[in-house]
Amino acid sequence: MKRIFTCIVILFLIACQPVTSSEPEFRPEPVPVSALWIGGADGGVYVDISRDDKNYSGTVYTDSTGDVWYSGSFTYSGTAEFDVKSAESYTGWDGEMLYLANGEYLKAE
């Protein structure tokens, strides 16, 4: 039984592949280093969000040119804390809302 379990674990580990970033190889020049990549292999945006007390603001940059897509205030739909400086906190941008991993969103005002 131990051999079967060991074989299954080994096969599972062999089948696992490391996660690779889908961030473009080159960051457009206008995008600050502090901006986080939010997206996948098919595209995304760079976001630079800050929080002051309960107020959220920031800038969303296009992925190819680094042009500003949106800059200003955001309204948070939830109450749970999240790390604005962690890429894992965000899941996507639809042009109006920045979706969060906790199921909430930041809506552009």
PDB file of N, CA and C in Angstrom:
ATOM      1  N   MET A   1       0.829  -1.193   0.000  1.00  0.00           N
ATOM      2  CA  MET A   1       0.000   0.000   0.000  1.00  0.00           C
ATOM      3  C   MET A   1       0.872   1.255   0.000  1.00  0.00           C
ATOM      4  N   LYS A   2       1.964   1.204   0.776  1.00  0.00           N
ATOM      5  CA  LYS A   2       2.864   2.356   0.828  1.00  0.00           C
ATOM      6  C   LYS A   2       3.508   2.608  -0.537  1.00  0.00           C
ATOM      7  N   ARG A   3       3.826   1.535  -1.248  1.00  0.00           N
ATOM      8  CA  ARG A   3       4.446   1.684  -2.568  1.00  0.00           C
ATOM      9  C   ARG A   3       3.480   2.342  -3.553  1.00  0.00           C
ATOM     10  N   ILE A   4       2.233   1.935  -3.507  1.00  0.00           N
ATOM     11  CA  ILE A   4       1.231   2.517  -4.411  1.00  0.00           C
ATOM     12  C   ILE A   4       1.067   4.000  -4.112  1.00  0.00           C
ATOM     13  N   PHE A   5       0.956   4.326  -2.835  1.00  0.00           N
ATOM     14  CA  PHE A   5       0.816   5.725  -2.432  1.00  0.00           C
ATOM     15  C   PHE A   5       2.039   6.537  -2.858  1.00  0.00           C
ATOM     16  N   THR A   6       3.232   5.994  -2.651  1.00  0.00           N
ATOM     17  CA  THR A   6       4.465   6.677  -3.045  1.00  0.00           C
ATOM     18  C   THR A   6       4.501   6.894  -4.550  1.00  0.00           C
ATOM     19  N   CYS A   7       4.113   5.890  -5.322  1.00  0.00           N
ATOM     20  CA  CYS A   7       4.081   6.018  -6.789  1.00  0.00           C
ATOM     21  C   CYS A   7       3.092   7.100  -7.224  1.00  0.00           C
ATOM     22  N   ILE A   8       1.934   7.132  -6.580  1.00  0.00           N
ATOM     23  CA  ILE A   8       0.933   8.146  -6.924  1.00  0.00           C
ATOM     24  C   ILE A   8       1.464   9.543  -6.634  1.00  0.00           C
ATOM     25  N   VAL A   9       2.101   9.707  -5.490  1.00  0.00           N
ATOM     26  CA  VAL A   9       2.666  11.008  -5.126  1.00  0.00           C
ATOM     27  C   VAL A   9       3.748  11.416  -6.113  1.00  0.00           C
ATOM     28  N   ILE A  10       4.611  10.511  -6.471  1.00  0.00           N
ATOM     29  CA  ILE A  10       5.691  10.813  -7.426  1.00  0.00           C
ATOM     30  C   ILE A  10       5.110  11.195  -8.781  1.00  0.00           C
ATOM     31  N   LEU A  11       4.120  10.450  -9.264  1.00  0.00           N
ATOM     32  CA  LEU A  11       3.490  10.784 -10.549  1.00  0.00           C
ATOM     33  C   LEU A  11       2.801  12.142 -10.496  1.00  0.00           C
ATOM     34  N   PHE A  12       2.173  12.436  -9.385  1.00  0.00           N
ATOM     35  CA  PHE A  12       1.522  13.737  -9.220  1.00  0.00           C
ATOM     36  C   PHE A  12       2.554  14.857  -9.281  1.00  0.00           C
ATOM     37  N   LEU A  13       3.659  14.697  -8.594  1.00  0.00           N
ATOM     38  CA  LEU A  13       4.703  15.731  -8.589  1.00  0.00           C
ATOM     39  C   LEU A  13       5.334  15.914  -9.960  1.00  0.00           C
ATOM     40  N   ILE A  14       5.490  14.835 -10.690  1.00  0.00           N
ATOM     41  CA  ILE A  14       6.036  14.931 -12.046  1.00  0.00           C
ATOM     42  C   ILE A  14       5.067  15.671 -12.961  1.00  0.00           C
ATOM     43  N   ALA A  15       3.765  15.432 -12.774  1.00  0.00           N
ATOM     44  CA  ALA A  15       2.750  16.054 -13.625  1.00  0.00           C
ATOM     45  C   ALA A  15       2.595  17.549 -13.353  1.00  0.00           C
ATOM     46  N   CYS A  16       2.946  17.987 -12.162  1.00  0.00           N
ATOM     47  CA  CYS A  16       2.812  19.406 -11.815  1.00  0.00           C
ATOM     48  C   CYS A  16       3.862  20.226 -12.554  1.00  0.00           C
ATOM     49  N   GLN A  17       3.425  21.340 -13.088  1.00  0.00           N
ATOM     50  CA  GLN A  17       4.350  22.241 -13.745  1.00  0.00           C
ATOM     51  C   GLN A  17       4.383  23.541 -12.979  1.00  0.00           C
ATOM     52  N   PRO A  18       5.536  24.190 -12.944  1.00  0.00           N
ATOM     53  CA  PRO A  18       5.611  25.449 -12.214  1.00  0.00           C
ATOM     54  C   PRO A  18       4.730  26.515 -12.849  1.00  0.00           C
ATOM     55  N   VAL A  19       4.190  27.391 -12.016  1.00  0.00           N
ATOM     56  CA  VAL A  19       3.374  28.493 -12.497  1.00  0.00           C
ATOM     57  C   VAL A  19       4.294  29.547 -13.092  1.00  0.00           C
ATOM     58  N   THR A  20       3.963  29.991 -14.273  1.00  0.00           N
ATOM     59  CA  THR A  20       4.762  31.033 -14.899  1.00  0.00           C
ATOM     60  C   THR A  20       3.936  32.304 -14.996  1.00  0.00           C
ATOM     61  N   SER A  21       4.610  33.418 -14.930  1.00  0.00           N
ATOM     62  CA  SER A  21       3.923  34.700 -15.025  1.00  0.00           C
ATOM     63  C   SER A  21       3.500  34.943 -16.462  1.00  0.00           C
ATOM     64  N   SER A  22       2.329  35.524 -16.624  1.00  0.00           N
ATOM     65  CA  SER A  22       1.867  35.850 -17.964  1.00  0.00           C
ATOM     66  C   SER A  22       2.105  37.330 -18.258  1.00  0.00           C
ATOM     67  N   GLU A  23       2.863  37.988 -17.381  1.00  0.00           N
ATOM     68  CA  GLU A  23       3.178  39.395 -17.601  1.00  0.00           C
ATOM     69  C   GLU A  23       4.021  39.527 -18.862  1.00  0.00           C
ATOM     70  N   PRO A  24       3.735  40.536 -19.662  1.00  0.00           N
ATOM     71  CA  PRO A  24       4.546  40.737 -20.876  1.00  0.00           C
ATOM     72  C   PRO A  24       6.032  40.865 -20.526  1.00  0.00           C
ATOM     73  N   GLU A  25       6.853  40.454 -21.460  1.00  0.00           N
ATOM     74  CA  GLU A  25       8.304  40.474 -21.232  1.00  0.00           C
ATOM     75  C   GLU A  25       8.820  41.894 -21.008  1.00  0.00           C
ATOM     76  N   PHE A  26       8.248  42.856 -21.729  1.00  0.00           N
ATOM     77  CA  PHE A  26       8.697  44.240 -21.604  1.00  0.00           C
ATOM     78  C   PHE A  26       7.570  45.123 -21.074  1.00  0.00           C
ATOM     79  N   ARG A  27       7.865  45.856 -20.015  1.00  0.00           N
ATOM     80  CA  ARG A  27       6.907  46.797 -19.427  1.00  0.00           C
ATOM     81  C   ARG A  27       7.031  48.112 -20.189  1.00  0.00           C
ATOM     82  N   PRO A  28       5.902  48.678 -20.651  1.00  0.00           N
ATOM     83  CA  PRO A  28       5.980  49.967 -21.344  1.00  0.00           C
ATOM     84  C   PRO A  28       6.613  51.039 -20.444  1.00  0.00           C
ATOM     85  N   GLU A  29       7.368  51.926 -21.045  1.00  0.00           N
ATOM     86  CA  GLU A  29       8.112  52.939 -20.297  1.00  0.00           C
ATOM     87  C   GLU A  29       7.255  53.809 -19.373  1.00  0.00           C
ATOM     88  N   PRO A  30       6.040  54.230 -19.772  1.00  0.00           N
ATOM     89  CA  PRO A  30       5.250  55.092 -18.889  1.00  0.00           C
ATOM     90  C   PRO A  30       4.732  54.401 -17.617  1.00  0.00           C
ATOM     91  N   VAL A  31       4.773  53.075 -17.570  1.00  0.00           N
ATOM     92  CA  VAL A  31       4.222  52.336 -16.429  1.00  0.00           C
ATOM     93  C   VAL A  31       5.241  52.327 -15.286  1.00  0.00           C
ATOM     94  N   PRO A  32       4.860  52.858 -14.114  1.00  0.00           N
ATOM     95  CA  PRO A  32       5.805  52.884 -12.998  1.00  0.00           C
ATOM     96  C   PRO A  32       6.116  51.479 -12.471  1.00  0.00           C
ATOM     97  N   VAL A  33       7.250  51.342 -11.839  1.00  0.00           N
ATOM     98  CA  VAL A  33       7.679  50.058 -11.276  1.00  0.00           C
ATOM     99  C   VAL A  33       6.689  49.573 -10.219  1.00  0.00           C
ATOM    100  N   SER A  34       6.023  50.478  -9.538  1.00  0.00           N
ATOM    101  CA  SER A  34       5.078  50.118  -8.477  1.00  0.00           C
ATOM    102  C   SER A  34       3.781  49.508  -9.006  1.00  0.00           C
ATOM    103  N   ALA A  35       3.511  49.640 -10.302  1.00  0.00           N
ATOM    104  CA  ALA A  35       2.274  49.107 -10.880  1.00  0.00           C
ATOM    105  C   ALA A  35       2.349  47.584 -10.978  1.00  0.00           C
ATOM    106  N   LEU A  36       1.246  46.943 -10.684  1.00  0.00           N
ATOM    107  CA  LEU A  36       1.141  45.486 -10.711  1.00  0.00           C
ATOM    108  C   LEU A  36       0.505  45.017 -12.013  1.00  0.00           C
ATOM    109  N   TRP A  37       0.977  43.886 -12.523  1.00  0.00           N
ATOM    110  CA  TRP A  37       0.382  43.280 -13.712  1.00  0.00           C
ATOM    111  C   TRP A  37      -0.861  42.496 -13.287  1.00  0.00           C
ATOM    112  N   ILE A  38      -1.999  42.772 -13.922  1.00  0.00           N
ATOM    113  CA  ILE A  38      -3.238  42.059 -13.663  1.00  0.00           C
ATOM    114  C   ILE A  38      -3.740  41.550 -15.006  1.00  0.00           C
ATOM    115  N   GLY A  39      -3.681  40.262 -15.211  1.00  0.00           N
ATOM    116  CA  GLY A  39      -4.143  39.723 -16.476  1.00  0.00           C
ATOM    117  C   GLY A  39      -3.621  38.336 -16.722  1.00  0.00           C
ATOM    118  N   GLY A  40      -3.804  37.901 -17.944  1.00  0.00           N
ATOM    119  CA  GLY A  40      -3.389  36.564 -18.335  1.00  0.00           C
ATOM    120  C   GLY A  40      -2.610  36.591 -19.623  1.00  0.00           C
ATOM    121  N   ALA A  41      -2.479  35.428 -20.229  1.00  0.00           N
ATOM    122  CA  ALA A  41      -1.720  35.299 -21.470  1.00  0.00           C
ATOM    123  C   ALA A  41      -2.357  36.069 -22.618  1.00  0.00           C
ATOM    124  N   ASP A  42      -3.674  36.303 -22.546  1.00  0.00           N
ATOM    125  CA  ASP A  42      -4.375  36.994 -23.623  1.00  0.00           C
ATOM    126  C   ASP A  42      -4.399  38.513 -23.438  1.00  0.00           C
ATOM    127  N   GLY A  43      -3.795  39.018 -22.375  1.00  0.00           N
ATOM    128  CA  GLY A  43      -3.740  40.460 -22.153  1.00  0.00           C
ATOM    129  C   GLY A  43      -4.130  40.825 -20.734  1.00  0.00           C
ATOM    130  N   GLY A  44      -3.998  42.091 -20.437  1.00  0.00           N
ATOM    131  CA  GLY A  44      -4.316  42.569 -19.105  1.00  0.00           C
ATOM    132  C   GLY A  44      -3.993  44.043 -18.988  1.00  0.00           C
ATOM    133  N   VAL A  45      -3.815  44.483 -17.772  1.00  0.00           N
ATOM    134  CA  VAL A  45      -3.490  45.881 -17.494  1.00  0.00           C
ATOM    135  C   VAL A  45      -2.494  45.933 -16.348  1.00  0.00           C
ATOM    136  N   TYR A  46      -1.889  47.094 -16.191  1.00  0.00           N
ATOM    137  CA  TYR A  46      -1.064  47.375 -15.024  1.00  0.00           C
ATOM    138  C   TYR A  46      -1.881  48.296 -14.123  1.00  0.00           C
ATOM    139  N   VAL A  47      -1.866  48.028 -12.822  1.00  0.00           N
ATOM    140  CA  VAL A  47      -2.602  48.869 -11.891  1.00  0.00           C
ATOM    141  C   VAL A  47      -1.679  49.328 -10.762  1.00  0.00           C
ATOM    142  N   ASP A  48      -1.881  50.555 -10.354  1.00  0.00           N
ATOM    143  CA  ASP A  48      -1.141  51.131  -9.238  1.00  0.00           C
ATOM    144  C   ASP A  48      -2.181  51.749  -8.305  1.00  0.00           C
ATOM    145  N   ILE A  49      -2.578  50.999  -7.283  1.00  0.00           N
ATOM    146  CA  ILE A  49      -3.659  51.391  -6.380  1.00  0.00           C
ATOM    147  C   ILE A  49      -3.081  51.765  -5.018  1.00  0.00           C
ATOM    148  N   SER A  50      -3.671  52.781  -4.412  1.00  0.00           N
ATOM    149  CA  SER A  50      -3.279  53.153  -3.052  1.00  0.00           C
ATOM    150  C   SER A  50      -4.530  53.322  -2.208  1.00  0.00           C
ATOM    151  N   ARG A  51      -4.325  53.241  -0.909  1.00  0.00           N
ATOM    152  CA  ARG A  51      -5.444  53.365   0.029  1.00  0.00           C
ATOM    153  C   ARG A  51      -5.065  54.355   1.111  1.00  0.00           C
ATOM    154  N   ASP A  52      -5.972  55.276   1.384  1.00  0.00           N
ATOM    155  CA  ASP A  52      -5.803  56.240   2.462  1.00  0.00           C
ATOM    156  C   ASP A  52      -7.058  56.145   3.314  1.00  0.00           C
ATOM    157  N   ASP A  53      -6.918  55.541   4.496  1.00  0.00           N
ATOM    158  CA  ASP A  53      -8.045  55.245   5.372  1.00  0.00           C
ATOM    159  C   ASP A  53      -8.993  54.310   4.618  1.00  0.00           C
ATOM    160  N   LYS A  54     -10.173  54.731   4.248  1.00  0.00           N
ATOM    161  CA  LYS A  54     -11.115  53.882   3.504  1.00  0.00           C
ATOM    162  C   LYS A  54     -11.279  54.355   2.062  1.00  0.00           C
ATOM    163  N   ASN A  55     -10.418  55.257   1.625  1.00  0.00           N
ATOM    164  CA  ASN A  55     -10.484  55.799   0.267  1.00  0.00           C
ATOM    165  C   ASN A  55      -9.438  55.127  -0.617  1.00  0.00           C
ATOM    166  N   TYR A  56      -9.896  54.678  -1.785  1.00  0.00           N
ATOM    167  CA  TYR A  56      -9.019  54.015  -2.749  1.00  0.00           C
ATOM    168  C   TYR A  56      -8.866  54.904  -3.971  1.00  0.00           C
ATOM    169  N   SER A  57      -7.648  54.981  -4.480  1.00  0.00           N
ATOM    170  CA  SER A  57      -7.401  55.718  -5.711  1.00  0.00           C
ATOM    171  C   SER A  57      -6.259  55.035  -6.445  1.00  0.00           C
ATOM    172  N   GLY A  58      -6.130  55.372  -7.703  1.00  0.00           N
ATOM    173  CA  GLY A  58      -5.047  54.764  -8.460  1.00  0.00           C
ATOM    174  C   GLY A  58      -5.169  54.996  -9.946  1.00  0.00           C
ATOM    175  N   THR A  59      -4.289  54.287 -10.644  1.00  0.00           N
ATOM    176  CA  THR A  59      -4.205  54.422 -12.093  1.00  0.00           C
ATOM    177  C   THR A  59      -4.167  53.046 -12.728  1.00  0.00           C
ATOM    178  N   VAL A  60      -4.865  52.904 -13.838  1.00  0.00           N
ATOM    179  CA  VAL A  60      -4.862  51.681 -14.640  1.00  0.00           C
ATOM    180  C   VAL A  60      -4.196  52.033 -15.968  1.00  0.00           C
ATOM    181  N   TYR A  61      -3.185  51.251 -16.329  1.00  0.00           N
ATOM    182  CA  TYR A  61      -2.419  51.482 -17.560  1.00  0.00           C
ATOM    183  C   TYR A  61      -2.678  50.361 -18.560  1.00  0.00           C
ATOM    184  N   THR A  62      -2.703  50.710 -19.850  1.00  0.00           N
ATOM    185  CA  THR A  62      -2.859  49.687 -20.886  1.00  0.00           C
ATOM    186  C   THR A  62      -1.616  48.816 -20.933  1.00  0.00           C
ATOM    187  N   ASP A  63      -1.796  47.582 -21.387  1.00  0.00           N
ATOM    188  CA  ASP A  63      -0.679  46.641 -21.388  1.00  0.00           C
ATOM    189  C   ASP A  63       0.337  46.869 -22.495  1.00  0.00           C
ATOM    190  N   SER A  64      -0.090  47.350 -23.638  1.00  0.00           N
ATOM    191  CA  SER A  64       0.839  47.446 -24.769  1.00  0.00           C
ATOM    192  C   SER A  64       1.605  48.763 -24.830  1.00  0.00           C
ATOM    193  N   THR A  65       0.935  49.880 -24.538  1.00  0.00           N
ATOM    194  CA  THR A  65       1.595  51.181 -24.670  1.00  0.00           C
ATOM    195  C   THR A  65       1.876  51.861 -23.336  1.00  0.00           C
ATOM    196  N   GLY A  66       1.179  51.440 -22.294  1.00  0.00           N
ATOM    197  CA  GLY A  66       1.333  52.083 -20.997  1.00  0.00           C
ATOM    198  C   GLY A  66       0.514  53.357 -20.862  1.00  0.00           C
ATOM    199  N   ASP A  67      -0.368  53.611 -21.839  1.00  0.00           N
ATOM    200  CA  ASP A  67      -1.237  54.784 -21.750  1.00  0.00           C
ATOM    201  C   ASP A  67      -2.163  54.641 -20.552  1.00  0.00           C
ATOM    202  N   VAL A  68      -2.552  55.757 -19.970  1.00  0.00           N
ATOM    203  CA  VAL A  68      -3.470  55.740 -18.835  1.00  0.00           C
ATOM    204  C   VAL A  68      -4.872  55.413 -19.338  1.00  0.00           C
ATOM    205  N   TRP A  69      -5.438  54.339 -18.826  1.00  0.00           N
ATOM    206  CA  TRP A  69      -6.797  53.938 -19.169  1.00  0.00           C
ATOM    207  C   TRP A  69      -7.771  54.632 -18.222  1.00  0.00           C
ATOM    208  N   TYR A  70      -7.402  54.658 -16.931  1.00  0.00           N
ATOM    209  CA  TYR A  70      -8.227  55.322 -15.925  1.00  0.00           C
ATOM    210  C   TYR A  70      -7.312  55.814 -14.810  1.00  0.00           C
ATOM    211  N   SER A  71      -7.623  56.987 -14.294  1.00  0.00           N
ATOM    212  CA  SER A  71      -6.906  57.508 -13.131  1.00  0.00           C
ATOM    213  C   SER A  71      -7.900  58.264 -12.273  1.00  0.00           C
ATOM    214  N   GLY A  72      -7.947  57.915 -10.995  1.00  0.00           N
ATOM    215  CA  GLY A  72      -8.877  58.589 -10.103  1.00  0.00           C
ATOM    216  C   GLY A  72      -9.259  57.728  -8.924  1.00  0.00           C
ATOM    217  N   SER A  73     -10.439  57.999  -8.393  1.00  0.00           N
ATOM    218  CA  SER A  73     -10.935  57.312  -7.199  1.00  0.00           C
ATOM    219  C   SER A  73     -11.672  56.033  -7.566  1.00  0.00           C
ATOM    220  N   PHE A  74     -11.675  55.126  -6.606  1.00  0.00           N
ATOM    221  CA  PHE A  74     -12.415  53.869  -6.719  1.00  0.00           C
ATOM    222  C   PHE A  74     -13.318  53.722  -5.499  1.00  0.00           C
ATOM    223  N   THR A  75     -14.457  53.098  -5.687  1.00  0.00           N
ATOM    224  CA  THR A  75     -15.353  52.763  -4.586  1.00  0.00           C
ATOM    225  C   THR A  75     -15.257  51.265  -4.349  1.00  0.00           C
ATOM    226  N   TYR A  76     -14.977  50.884  -3.114  1.00  0.00           N
ATOM    227  CA  TYR A  76     -14.850  49.470  -2.757  1.00  0.00           C
ATOM    228  C   TYR A  76     -16.211  48.897  -2.411  1.00  0.00           C
ATOM    229  N   SER A  77     -16.546  47.746  -2.989  1.00  0.00           N
ATOM    230  CA  SER A  77     -17.857  47.133  -2.780  1.00  0.00           C
ATOM    231  C   SER A  77     -17.958  46.350  -1.481  1.00  0.00           C
ATOM    232  N   GLY A  78     -16.841  46.069  -0.847  1.00  0.00           N
ATOM    233  CA  GLY A  78     -16.873  45.217   0.341  1.00  0.00           C
ATOM    234  C   GLY A  78     -16.364  45.906   1.592  1.00  0.00           C
ATOM    235  N   THR A  79     -16.122  45.083   2.602  1.00  0.00           N
ATOM    236  CA  THR A  79     -15.593  45.583   3.872  1.00  0.00           C
ATOM    237  C   THR A  79     -14.343  44.830   4.310  1.00  0.00           C
ATOM    238  N   ALA A  80     -14.104  43.654   3.738  1.00  0.00           N
ATOM    239  CA  ALA A  80     -12.946  42.847   4.117  1.00  0.00           C
ATOM    240  C   ALA A  80     -11.651  43.520   3.663  1.00  0.00           C
ATOM    241  N   GLU A  81     -10.644  43.442   4.506  1.00  0.00           N
ATOM    242  CA  GLU A  81      -9.338  44.007   4.174  1.00  0.00           C
ATOM    243  C   GLU A  81      -8.688  43.203   3.052  1.00  0.00           C
ATOM    244  N   PHE A  82      -7.918  43.864   2.204  1.00  0.00           N
ATOM    245  CA  PHE A  82      -7.101  43.204   1.195  1.00  0.00           C
ATOM    246  C   PHE A  82      -5.859  44.047   0.963  1.00  0.00           C
ATOM    247  N   ASP A  83      -4.816  43.421   0.473  1.00  0.00           N
ATOM    248  CA  ASP A  83      -3.537  44.085   0.266  1.00  0.00           C
ATOM    249  C   ASP A  83      -3.527  44.750  -1.114  1.00  0.00           C
ATOM    250  N   VAL A  84      -3.593  46.083  -1.149  1.00  0.00           N
ATOM    251  CA  VAL A  84      -3.631  46.802  -2.424  1.00  0.00           C
ATOM    252  C   VAL A  84      -2.325  46.676  -3.196  1.00  0.00           C
ATOM    253  N   LYS A  85      -1.248  46.282  -2.531  1.00  0.00           N
ATOM    254  CA  LYS A  85       0.065  46.176  -3.179  1.00  0.00           C
ATOM    255  C   LYS A  85       0.442  44.743  -3.537  1.00  0.00           C
ATOM    256  N   SER A  86      -0.541  43.832  -3.532  1.00  0.00           N
ATOM    257  CA  SER A  86      -0.292  42.440  -3.882  1.00  0.00           C
ATOM    258  C   SER A  86      -1.072  42.070  -5.143  1.00  0.00           C
ATOM    259  N   ALA A  87      -0.381  41.585  -6.153  1.00  0.00           N
ATOM    260  CA  ALA A  87      -1.032  41.189  -7.404  1.00  0.00           C
ATOM    261  C   ALA A  87      -2.051  40.071  -7.181  1.00  0.00           C
ATOM    262  N   GLU A  88      -1.849  39.254  -6.151  1.00  0.00           N
ATOM    263  CA  GLU A  88      -2.775  38.162  -5.857  1.00  0.00           C
ATOM    264  C   GLU A  88      -4.136  38.672  -5.385  1.00  0.00           C
ATOM    265  N   SER A  89      -4.225  39.941  -5.009  1.00  0.00           N
ATOM    266  CA  SER A  89      -5.501  40.513  -4.559  1.00  0.00           C
ATOM    267  C   SER A  89      -6.453  40.800  -5.713  1.00  0.00           C
ATOM    268  N   TYR A  90      -5.929  40.871  -6.940  1.00  0.00           N
ATOM    269  CA  TYR A  90      -6.724  41.293  -8.094  1.00  0.00           C
ATOM    270  C   TYR A  90      -6.897  40.148  -9.086  1.00  0.00           C
ATOM    271  N   THR A  91      -8.042  40.158  -9.775  1.00  0.00           N
ATOM    272  CA  THR A  91      -8.268  39.123 -10.789  1.00  0.00           C
ATOM    273  C   THR A  91      -8.507  39.676 -12.190  1.00  0.00           C
ATOM    274  N   GLY A  92      -8.912  40.926 -12.326  1.00  0.00           N
ATOM    275  CA  GLY A  92      -9.131  41.456 -13.668  1.00  0.00           C
ATOM    276  C   GLY A  92      -9.735  42.843 -13.665  1.00  0.00           C
ATOM    277  N   TRP A  93      -9.721  43.450 -14.836  1.00  0.00           N
ATOM    278  CA  TRP A  93     -10.246  44.795 -15.073  1.00  0.00           C
ATOM    279  C   TRP A  93     -11.138  44.733 -16.291  1.00  0.00           C
ATOM    280  N   ASP A  94     -12.348  45.306 -16.200  1.00  0.00           N
ATOM    281  CA  ASP A  94     -13.261  45.272 -17.348  1.00  0.00           C
ATOM    282  C   ASP A  94     -13.502  46.645 -17.970  1.00  0.00           C
ATOM    283  N   GLY A  95     -12.715  47.621 -17.581  1.00  0.00           N
ATOM    284  CA  GLY A  95     -12.879  48.968 -18.098  1.00  0.00           C
ATOM    285  C   GLY A  95     -13.622  49.872 -17.146  1.00  0.00           C
ATOM    286  N   GLU A  96     -14.266  49.281 -16.158  1.00  0.00           N
ATOM    287  CA  GLU A  96     -15.021  50.038 -15.161  1.00  0.00           C
ATOM    288  C   GLU A  96     -14.769  49.527 -13.745  1.00  0.00           C
ATOM    289  N   MET A  97     -14.559  48.221 -13.626  1.00  0.00           N
ATOM    290  CA  MET A  97     -14.353  47.623 -12.312  1.00  0.00           C
ATOM    291  C   MET A  97     -13.076  46.795 -12.277  1.00  0.00           C
ATOM    292  N   LEU A  98     -12.391  46.897 -11.156  1.00  0.00           N
ATOM    293  CA  LEU A  98     -11.201  46.100 -10.886  1.00  0.00           C
ATOM    294  C   LEU A  98     -11.644  44.995  -9.931  1.00  0.00           C
ATOM    295  N   TYR A  99     -11.710  43.767 -10.448  1.00  0.00           N
ATOM    296  CA  TYR A  99     -12.231  42.649  -9.671  1.00  0.00           C
ATOM    297  C   TYR A  99     -11.163  42.124  -8.726  1.00  0.00           C
ATOM    298  N   LEU A 100     -11.594  41.745  -7.525  1.00  0.00           N
ATOM    299  CA  LEU A 100     -10.696  41.291  -6.475  1.00  0.00           C
ATOM    300  C   LEU A 100     -10.851  39.798  -6.218  1.00  0.00           C
ATOM    301  N   ALA A 101      -9.793  39.196  -5.730  1.00  0.00           N
ATOM    302  CA  ALA A 101      -9.789  37.765  -5.445  1.00  0.00           C
ATOM    303  C   ALA A 101     -10.740  37.397  -4.322  1.00  0.00           C
ATOM    304  N   ASN A 102     -11.108  38.365  -3.485  1.00  0.00           N
ATOM    305  CA  ASN A 102     -12.017  38.073  -2.372  1.00  0.00           C
ATOM    306  C   ASN A 102     -13.501  38.137  -2.793  1.00  0.00           C
ATOM    307  N   GLY A 103     -13.770  38.275  -4.100  1.00  0.00           N
ATOM    308  CA  GLY A 103     -15.132  38.307  -4.611  1.00  0.00           C
ATOM    309  C   GLY A 103     -15.732  39.700  -4.695  1.00  0.00           C
ATOM    310  N   GLU A 104     -15.025  40.693  -4.231  1.00  0.00           N
ATOM    311  CA  GLU A 104     -15.499  42.076  -4.271  1.00  0.00           C
ATOM    312  C   GLU A 104     -14.869  42.790  -5.467  1.00  0.00           C
ATOM    313  N   TYR A 105     -15.044  44.100  -5.551  1.00  0.00           N
ATOM    314  CA  TYR A 105     -14.460  44.869  -6.647  1.00  0.00           C
ATOM    315  C   TYR A 105     -14.227  46.310  -6.220  1.00  0.00           C
ATOM    316  N   LEU A 106     -13.371  46.980  -6.989  1.00  0.00           N
ATOM    317  CA  LEU A 106     -13.170  48.421  -6.885  1.00  0.00           C
ATOM    318  C   LEU A 106     -13.777  49.020  -8.140  1.00  0.00           C
ATOM    319  N   LYS A 107     -14.764  49.905  -7.990  1.00  0.00           N
ATOM    320  CA  LYS A 107     -15.436  50.502  -9.131  1.00  0.00           C
ATOM    321  C   LYS A 107     -14.882  51.898  -9.374  1.00  0.00           C
ATOM    322  N   ALA A 108     -14.519  52.171 -10.627  1.00  0.00           N
ATOM    323  CA  ALA A 108     -14.048  53.509 -11.007  1.00  0.00           C
ATOM    324  C   ALA A 108     -15.176  54.510 -10.819  1.00  0.00           C
ATOM    325  N   GLU A 109     -14.873  55.640 -10.212  1.00  0.00           N
ATOM    326  CA  GLU A 109     -15.903  56.657  -9.983  1.00  0.00           C
ATOM    327  C   GLU A 109     -15.976  57.626 -11.143  1.00  0.00           C
TER     328      GLU A 109
END
